[in-house]
């Protein structure tokens, strides 16, 4: 009675696993990229919603200043800042959970001034967003990347 696998059976199983992995692995790479794009689109939508909400709150309070910045030093999208005529003051939080600054160069955000934001889809494929006139918009070259 046989109690072990033969070498031919083991090689046959290894070959089948190799063929299956050669077919499956290339199909997973676009899924990761699509997930990063979906996360970026959700971040843009959340930031735009936060800007609109904060602007509405300010108008109801009789404040008609512009929203001037979207961060402080803790993260990329931490706090809304708005102009009150005598300087910028803190508004409300932009997002419930902060978007941390880029550590890699793929699927992340960075800013140096709180007004211009760079989304790194890959190291060479970036989108620039800018906060101006209470809007968070990008130039036409980014359409389809995160919008």
C-alpha atoms as a PDB file:
ATOM      1  CA  UNK A   1       0.000   0.000   0.000  1.00  0.00           C
ATOM      2  CA  UNK A   2       1.310   3.431  -0.998  1.00  0.00           C
ATOM      3  CA  UNK A   3       1.663   6.093   1.777  1.00  0.00           C
ATOM      4  CA  UNK A   4       3.476   8.952   0.000  1.00  0.00           C
ATOM      5  CA  UNK A   5       3.314  11.008  -3.185  1.00  0.00           C
ATOM      6  CA  UNK A   6       5.751  10.252  -5.966  1.00  0.00           C
ATOM      7  CA  UNK A   7       8.103  12.879  -7.318  1.00  0.00           C
ATOM      8  CA  UNK A   8       6.145  13.040 -10.597  1.00  0.00           C
ATOM      9  CA  UNK A   9       2.902  13.804  -8.726  1.00  0.00           C
ATOM     10  CA  UNK A  10       4.573  16.584  -6.745  1.00  0.00           C
ATOM     11  CA  UNK A  11       6.108  18.139  -9.867  1.00  0.00           C
ATOM     12  CA  UNK A  12       2.737  17.960 -11.621  1.00  0.00           C
ATOM     13  CA  UNK A  13       1.019  19.824  -8.736  1.00  0.00           C
ATOM     14  CA  UNK A  14       3.777  22.480  -8.663  1.00  0.00           C
ATOM     15  CA  UNK A  15       3.397  23.047 -12.413  1.00  0.00           C
ATOM     16  CA  UNK A  16      -0.375  23.477 -12.059  1.00  0.00           C
ATOM     17  CA  UNK A  17       0.066  25.967  -9.178  1.00  0.00           C
ATOM     18  CA  UNK A  18       2.624  27.889 -11.281  1.00  0.00           C
ATOM     19  CA  UNK A  19       0.240  28.120 -14.242  1.00  0.00           C
ATOM     20  CA  UNK A  20      -2.624  29.311 -12.028  1.00  0.00           C
ATOM     21  CA  UNK A  21      -0.473  31.965 -10.364  1.00  0.00           C
ATOM     22  CA  UNK A  22       0.862  33.168 -13.736  1.00  0.00           C
ATOM     23  CA  UNK A  23      -2.724  33.782 -14.813  1.00  0.00           C
ATOM     24  CA  UNK A  24      -4.018  35.270 -11.522  1.00  0.00           C
ATOM     25  CA  UNK A  25      -1.227  37.660 -10.459  1.00  0.00           C
ATOM     26  CA  UNK A  26      -1.376  39.998 -13.510  1.00  0.00           C
ATOM     27  CA  UNK A  27      -5.122  40.368 -12.972  1.00  0.00           C
ATOM     28  CA  UNK A  28      -4.599  41.636  -9.404  1.00  0.00           C
ATOM     29  CA  UNK A  29      -2.371  44.632 -10.289  1.00  0.00           C
ATOM     30  CA  UNK A  30      -5.176  46.727 -11.849  1.00  0.00           C
ATOM     31  CA  UNK A  31      -7.379  46.035  -8.833  1.00  0.00           C
ATOM     32  CA  UNK A  32      -4.863  47.752  -6.532  1.00  0.00           C
ATOM     33  CA  UNK A  33      -4.626  50.736  -8.883  1.00  0.00           C
ATOM     34  CA  UNK A  34      -8.412  50.981  -9.127  1.00  0.00           C
ATOM     35  CA  UNK A  35      -8.711  50.887  -5.338  1.00  0.00           C
ATOM     36  CA  UNK A  36      -6.238  53.780  -4.968  1.00  0.00           C
ATOM     37  CA  UNK A  37      -8.148  55.794  -7.584  1.00  0.00           C
ATOM     38  CA  UNK A  38     -11.436  55.130  -5.789  1.00  0.00           C
ATOM     39  CA  UNK A  39      -9.921  56.249  -2.488  1.00  0.00           C
ATOM     40  CA  UNK A  40      -8.620  59.464  -4.116  1.00  0.00           C
ATOM     41  CA  UNK A  41     -12.028  60.192  -5.657  1.00  0.00           C
ATOM     42  CA  UNK A  42     -13.673  59.692  -2.268  1.00  0.00           C
ATOM     43  CA  UNK A  43     -11.145  62.030  -0.631  1.00  0.00           C
ATOM     44  CA  UNK A  44     -11.796  64.756  -3.224  1.00  0.00           C
ATOM     45  CA  UNK A  45     -15.555  64.404  -2.785  1.00  0.00           C
ATOM     46  CA  UNK A  46     -15.238  64.550   1.018  1.00  0.00           C
ATOM     47  CA  UNK A  47     -13.028  67.634   0.922  1.00  0.00           C
ATOM     48  CA  UNK A  48     -15.410  69.403  -1.462  1.00  0.00           C
ATOM     49  CA  UNK A  49     -18.352  68.531   0.773  1.00  0.00           C
ATOM     50  CA  UNK A  50     -16.525  69.810   3.861  1.00  0.00           C
ATOM     51  CA  UNK A  51     -15.728  73.099   2.120  1.00  0.00           C
ATOM     52  CA  UNK A  52     -19.367  73.590   1.098  1.00  0.00           C
ATOM     53  CA  UNK A  53     -20.611  72.716   4.583  1.00  0.00           C
ATOM     54  CA  UNK A  54     -18.158  75.066   6.291  1.00  0.00           C
ATOM     55  CA  UNK A  55     -19.010  77.882   3.894  1.00  0.00           C
ATOM     56  CA  UNK A  56     -22.720  77.422   4.660  1.00  0.00           C
ATOM     57  CA  UNK A  57     -22.025  77.490   8.418  1.00  0.00           C
ATOM     58  CA  UNK A  58     -20.051  80.701   8.039  1.00  0.00           C
ATOM     59  CA  UNK A  59     -22.806  82.391   6.043  1.00  0.00           C
ATOM     60  CA  UNK A  60     -25.390  81.410   8.676  1.00  0.00           C
ATOM     61  CA  UNK A  61     -23.139  82.965  11.333  1.00  0.00           C
ATOM     62  CA  UNK A  62     -22.855  86.180   9.319  1.00  0.00           C
ATOM     63  CA  UNK A  63     -19.243  85.527   8.268  1.00  0.00           C
ATOM     64  CA  UNK A  64     -18.590  85.990   4.576  1.00  0.00           C
ATOM     65  CA  UNK A  65     -14.838  85.349   4.455  1.00  0.00           C
ATOM     66  CA  UNK A  66     -13.220  82.857   2.133  1.00  0.00           C
ATOM     67  CA  UNK A  67     -11.890  79.472   3.089  1.00  0.00           C
ATOM     68  CA  UNK A  68      -8.168  79.949   2.640  1.00  0.00           C
ATOM     69  CA  UNK A  69      -6.441  76.724   3.700  1.00  0.00           C
ATOM     70  CA  UNK A  70      -7.227  73.077   4.276  1.00  0.00           C
ATOM     71  CA  UNK A  71      -4.622  71.968   6.752  1.00  0.00           C
ATOM     72  CA  UNK A  72      -2.325  72.534   9.639  1.00  0.00           C
ATOM     73  CA  UNK A  73       0.909  70.701  10.347  1.00  0.00           C
ATOM     74  CA  UNK A  74      -0.671  67.472  11.591  1.00  0.00           C
ATOM     75  CA  UNK A  75      -1.761  66.067   8.241  1.00  0.00           C
ATOM     76  CA  UNK A  76      -2.664  66.885   4.675  1.00  0.00           C
ATOM     77  CA  UNK A  77      -6.382  67.643   5.106  1.00  0.00           C
ATOM     78  CA  UNK A  78      -6.693  68.435   8.784  1.00  0.00           C
ATOM     79  CA  UNK A  79      -8.519  71.722   9.405  1.00  0.00           C
ATOM     80  CA  UNK A  80     -10.297  74.267   7.270  1.00  0.00           C
ATOM     81  CA  UNK A  81      -8.953  77.774   7.731  1.00  0.00           C
ATOM     82  CA  UNK A  82     -11.016  80.784   6.742  1.00  0.00           C
ATOM     83  CA  UNK A  83     -10.303  84.479   6.399  1.00  0.00           C
ATOM     84  CA  UNK A  84     -12.113  86.793   8.778  1.00  0.00           C
ATOM     85  CA  UNK A  85     -10.563  89.985   7.481  1.00  0.00           C
ATOM     86  CA  UNK A  86      -8.009  90.212  10.283  1.00  0.00           C
ATOM     87  CA  UNK A  87      -6.212  86.950   9.531  1.00  0.00           C
ATOM     88  CA  UNK A  88      -6.973  83.270   9.220  1.00  0.00           C
ATOM     89  CA  UNK A  89      -8.804  81.423  11.958  1.00  0.00           C
ATOM     90  CA  UNK A  90      -9.539  77.756  12.454  1.00  0.00           C
ATOM     91  CA  UNK A  91     -12.750  76.373  11.101  1.00  0.00           C
ATOM     92  CA  UNK A  92     -13.951  72.826  11.441  1.00  0.00           C
ATOM     93  CA  UNK A  93     -12.185  69.598  10.640  1.00  0.00           C
ATOM     94  CA  UNK A  94     -12.135  68.722   6.958  1.00  0.00           C
ATOM     95  CA  UNK A  95     -12.287  64.938   7.292  1.00  0.00           C
ATOM     96  CA  UNK A  96     -13.081  62.741  10.263  1.00  0.00           C
ATOM     97  CA  UNK A  97      -9.856  60.811   9.691  1.00  0.00           C
ATOM     98  CA  UNK A  98      -6.776  62.723   8.584  1.00  0.00           C
ATOM     99  CA  UNK A  99      -5.028  61.935   5.308  1.00  0.00           C
ATOM    100  CA  UNK A 100      -1.395  61.573   6.236  1.00  0.00           C
ATOM    101  CA  UNK A 101       1.380  63.142   4.209  1.00  0.00           C
ATOM    102  CA  UNK A 102       3.034  61.074   1.486  1.00  0.00           C
ATOM    103  CA  UNK A 103       5.644  58.612   2.554  1.00  0.00           C
ATOM    104  CA  UNK A 104       5.760  56.771  -0.764  1.00  0.00           C
ATOM    105  CA  UNK A 105       4.958  58.097  -4.185  1.00  0.00           C
ATOM    106  CA  UNK A 106       1.884  56.118  -5.151  1.00  0.00           C
ATOM    107  CA  UNK A 107      -1.733  56.703  -4.197  1.00  0.00           C
ATOM    108  CA  UNK A 108      -0.996  59.499  -1.738  1.00  0.00           C
ATOM    109  CA  UNK A 109      -1.395  63.255  -1.207  1.00  0.00           C
ATOM    110  CA  UNK A 110       1.022  66.038  -0.353  1.00  0.00           C
ATOM    111  CA  UNK A 111       0.928  69.789   0.145  1.00  0.00           C
ATOM    112  CA  UNK A 112       3.396  72.392   1.270  1.00  0.00           C
ATOM    113  CA  UNK A 113       1.146  75.423   1.669  1.00  0.00           C
ATOM    114  CA  UNK A 114      -2.374  74.152   2.403  1.00  0.00           C
ATOM    115  CA  UNK A 115      -3.654  75.611  -0.864  1.00  0.00           C
ATOM    116  CA  UNK A 116      -2.046  73.526  -3.625  1.00  0.00           C
ATOM    117  CA  UNK A 117      -2.292  69.745  -3.317  1.00  0.00           C
ATOM    118  CA  UNK A 118      -0.569  67.034  -5.332  1.00  0.00           C
ATOM    119  CA  UNK A 119      -2.075  63.579  -5.727  1.00  0.00           C
ATOM    120  CA  UNK A 120       0.528  60.992  -6.746  1.00  0.00           C
ATOM    121  CA  UNK A 121      -1.208  58.280  -8.756  1.00  0.00           C
ATOM    122  CA  UNK A 122       2.277  56.976  -9.543  1.00  0.00           C
ATOM    123  CA  UNK A 123       5.693  58.589  -9.218  1.00  0.00           C
ATOM    124  CA  UNK A 124       5.344  60.099 -12.704  1.00  0.00           C
ATOM    125  CA  UNK A 125       1.553  60.555 -12.944  1.00  0.00           C
ATOM    126  CA  UNK A 126       0.376  63.371 -10.681  1.00  0.00           C
ATOM    127  CA  UNK A 127      -2.604  65.698 -10.381  1.00  0.00           C
ATOM    128  CA  UNK A 128      -2.528  69.174  -8.945  1.00  0.00           C
ATOM    129  CA  UNK A 129      -5.566  70.429  -6.999  1.00  0.00           C
ATOM    130  CA  UNK A 130      -5.896  73.998  -5.825  1.00  0.00           C
ATOM    131  CA  UNK A 131      -8.137  75.682  -3.277  1.00  0.00           C
ATOM    132  CA  UNK A 132      -9.417  78.956  -4.716  1.00  0.00           C
ATOM    133  CA  UNK A 133     -12.680  80.863  -4.323  1.00  0.00           C
ATOM    134  CA  UNK A 134     -14.017  78.266  -1.865  1.00  0.00           C
ATOM    135  CA  UNK A 135     -13.554  75.498  -4.449  1.00  0.00           C
ATOM    136  CA  UNK A 136     -11.182  72.524  -4.597  1.00  0.00           C
ATOM    137  CA  UNK A 137     -10.517  72.005  -8.303  1.00  0.00           C
ATOM    138  CA  UNK A 138      -7.933  70.515 -10.623  1.00  0.00           C
ATOM    139  CA  UNK A 139      -6.695  71.410 -14.060  1.00  0.00           C
ATOM    140  CA  UNK A 140      -8.008  69.611 -17.139  1.00  0.00           C
ATOM    141  CA  UNK A 141      -5.020  67.250 -17.364  1.00  0.00           C
ATOM    142  CA  UNK A 142      -6.230  65.402 -14.260  1.00  0.00           C
ATOM    143  CA  UNK A 143      -9.738  64.663 -15.453  1.00  0.00           C
ATOM    144  CA  UNK A 144     -10.187  60.909 -15.385  1.00  0.00           C
ATOM    145  CA  UNK A 145      -7.353  60.353 -12.930  1.00  0.00           C
ATOM    146  CA  UNK A 146      -9.233  61.183  -9.754  1.00  0.00           C
ATOM    147  CA  UNK A 147     -12.342  62.936 -11.019  1.00  0.00           C
END
